[in-house]
């Protein structure tokens, strides 16, 4: 007699639909970001930067950022340091520090960003230079 074997079904996790839950992917001229999780004092994003593109030279008053490279190559300017990061490498951007993220490679740069701070709104950005004319006048 042949017995039927039970096959485990994959677990599907759904995001919360209310409150400060997960946001949809937001497109930007340089690529996109998706909020993976958000809670009091932290936000976790998946960021994708198109080859040859870069984000603003910018600063945040109320948050720090940790960047972990998942795929591709990141050029990171943080204060007066200019660093290349590769898969599984990371860096820290303190609050009130000018910084920029760039993809100098030929494949998309994918990284995980962990923000910490009292205020994590997208309007806490002071842009010093921007390739897409988004600097403050």
Protein backbone atom coordinates (compact mmCIF):
# COMPACT_ATOMS: atom_id res chain seq x y z
CA UNK A 1 0.00 0.00 0.00
CA UNK A 2 1.29 3.45 -0.91
CA UNK A 3 0.79 6.19 1.65
CA UNK A 4 0.21 9.78 0.61
CA UNK A 5 3.02 12.05 1.72
CA UNK A 6 2.11 15.42 3.14
CA UNK A 7 3.92 18.25 1.38
CA UNK A 8 4.74 21.34 3.41
CA UNK A 9 3.28 24.48 1.92
CA UNK A 10 5.43 27.63 1.84
CA UNK A 11 4.59 30.22 4.45
CA UNK A 12 3.40 33.51 3.04
CA UNK A 13 3.71 36.53 5.29
CA UNK A 14 1.53 39.50 4.56
CA UNK A 15 2.29 43.06 5.59
CA UNK A 16 0.08 44.94 8.02
CA UNK A 17 -2.57 46.95 6.22
CA UNK A 18 -3.01 49.71 8.79
CA UNK A 19 -0.91 52.17 10.78
CA UNK A 20 2.75 52.68 10.04
CA UNK A 21 3.07 49.42 8.16
CA UNK A 22 4.86 48.63 4.96
CA UNK A 23 4.59 51.12 2.11
CA UNK A 24 4.52 50.35 -1.58
CA UNK A 25 7.67 50.72 -3.67
CA UNK A 26 8.39 54.35 -4.47
CA UNK A 27 10.10 55.21 -7.73
CA UNK A 28 12.80 57.85 -7.91
CA UNK A 29 14.89 59.13 -10.85
CA UNK A 30 17.87 57.11 -9.54
CA UNK A 31 15.94 53.87 -8.87
CA UNK A 32 13.47 52.92 -6.13
CA UNK A 33 12.96 52.09 -2.48
CA UNK A 34 10.53 49.88 -0.58
CA UNK A 35 9.78 50.19 3.12
CA UNK A 36 10.09 46.66 4.50
CA UNK A 37 9.26 47.45 8.11
CA UNK A 38 8.72 50.50 10.28
CA UNK A 39 8.29 50.96 14.00
CA UNK A 40 8.96 53.47 16.76
CA UNK A 41 12.45 54.84 16.18
CA UNK A 42 13.38 52.69 13.18
CA UNK A 43 12.62 52.05 9.50
CA UNK A 44 14.03 49.33 7.23
CA UNK A 45 14.17 49.89 3.45
CA UNK A 46 15.27 47.97 0.38
CA UNK A 47 16.97 50.45 -1.94
CA UNK A 48 17.79 49.83 -5.60
CA UNK A 49 20.05 52.25 -7.49
CA UNK A 50 20.27 52.00 -11.27
CA UNK A 51 23.75 51.61 -12.82
CA UNK A 52 25.46 54.97 -13.29
CA UNK A 53 23.02 56.82 -11.02
CA UNK A 54 23.39 58.41 -7.61
CA UNK A 55 21.30 59.94 -4.86
CA UNK A 56 21.58 63.55 -3.71
CA UNK A 57 24.48 64.77 -1.66
CA UNK A 58 22.34 65.17 1.44
CA UNK A 59 22.04 65.30 5.20
CA UNK A 60 19.40 64.31 7.78
CA UNK A 61 18.90 66.14 11.08
CA UNK A 62 16.95 63.43 12.91
CA UNK A 63 18.22 60.04 11.80
CA UNK A 64 21.24 57.85 11.26
CA UNK A 65 21.46 55.24 8.51
CA UNK A 66 23.16 51.85 8.24
CA UNK A 67 23.65 50.54 4.69
CA UNK A 68 24.31 46.86 3.90
CA UNK A 69 25.15 45.98 0.28
CA UNK A 70 23.22 42.94 -0.95
CA UNK A 71 24.20 43.08 -4.63
CA UNK A 72 26.34 45.30 -6.82
CA UNK A 73 28.87 47.98 -5.90
CA UNK A 74 28.24 51.11 -3.83
CA UNK A 75 30.31 54.26 -3.83
CA UNK A 76 29.62 56.00 -0.53
CA UNK A 77 30.59 59.53 0.35
CA UNK A 78 30.17 60.14 4.08
CA UNK A 79 31.61 63.37 5.43
CA UNK A 80 35.11 63.59 3.92
CA UNK A 81 35.42 59.83 3.24
CA UNK A 82 34.90 58.24 -0.19
CA UNK A 83 34.54 54.43 -0.02
CA UNK A 84 33.64 51.55 -2.32
CA UNK A 85 31.50 48.81 -0.78
CA UNK A 86 30.83 45.37 -2.21
CA UNK A 87 28.38 42.56 -1.43
CA UNK A 88 28.05 41.86 2.31
CA UNK A 89 29.88 45.06 3.31
CA UNK A 90 28.26 47.87 5.25
CA UNK A 91 28.69 51.43 6.49
CA UNK A 92 27.17 53.82 9.01
CA UNK A 93 26.00 57.39 8.33
CA UNK A 94 25.64 59.47 11.53
CA UNK A 95 22.96 62.16 11.84
CA UNK A 96 23.89 65.64 10.57
CA UNK A 97 26.57 64.22 8.25
CA UNK A 98 26.63 64.95 4.52
CA UNK A 99 26.47 61.74 2.49
CA UNK A 100 25.80 60.33 -0.98
CA UNK A 101 25.15 56.87 -2.40
CA UNK A 102 26.16 56.04 -5.98
CA UNK A 103 26.13 52.97 -8.23
CA UNK A 104 29.35 53.06 -10.30
CA UNK A 105 28.75 49.52 -11.58
CA UNK A 106 26.92 47.95 -14.52
CA UNK A 107 24.33 45.98 -12.52
CA UNK A 108 21.70 47.37 -10.14
CA UNK A 109 22.94 48.20 -6.64
CA UNK A 110 20.67 46.65 -4.01
CA UNK A 111 21.09 47.47 -0.36
CA UNK A 112 19.24 47.33 2.91
CA UNK A 113 18.99 50.60 4.82
CA UNK A 114 18.24 50.67 8.54
CA UNK A 115 17.26 54.13 9.77
CA UNK A 116 17.24 55.01 13.47
CA UNK A 117 16.01 58.25 15.01
CA UNK A 118 13.20 60.22 16.56
CA UNK A 119 11.81 61.36 13.19
CA UNK A 120 12.07 59.27 10.01
CA UNK A 121 9.98 61.26 7.52
CA UNK A 122 11.08 61.62 3.89
CA UNK A 123 11.05 65.41 4.38
CA UNK A 124 14.05 65.25 6.74
CA UNK A 125 16.43 65.71 3.82
CA UNK A 126 18.68 68.69 3.21
CA UNK A 127 19.97 68.37 -0.37
CA UNK A 128 23.28 70.07 -1.16
CA UNK A 129 23.63 68.78 -4.72
CA UNK A 130 21.30 66.74 -6.90
CA UNK A 131 21.54 65.37 -10.45
CA UNK A 132 17.76 65.69 -10.82
CA UNK A 133 17.29 69.38 -9.87
CA UNK A 134 15.75 68.62 -6.48
CA UNK A 135 17.99 70.89 -4.40
CA UNK A 136 16.40 73.51 -2.19
CA UNK A 137 16.43 77.05 -3.50
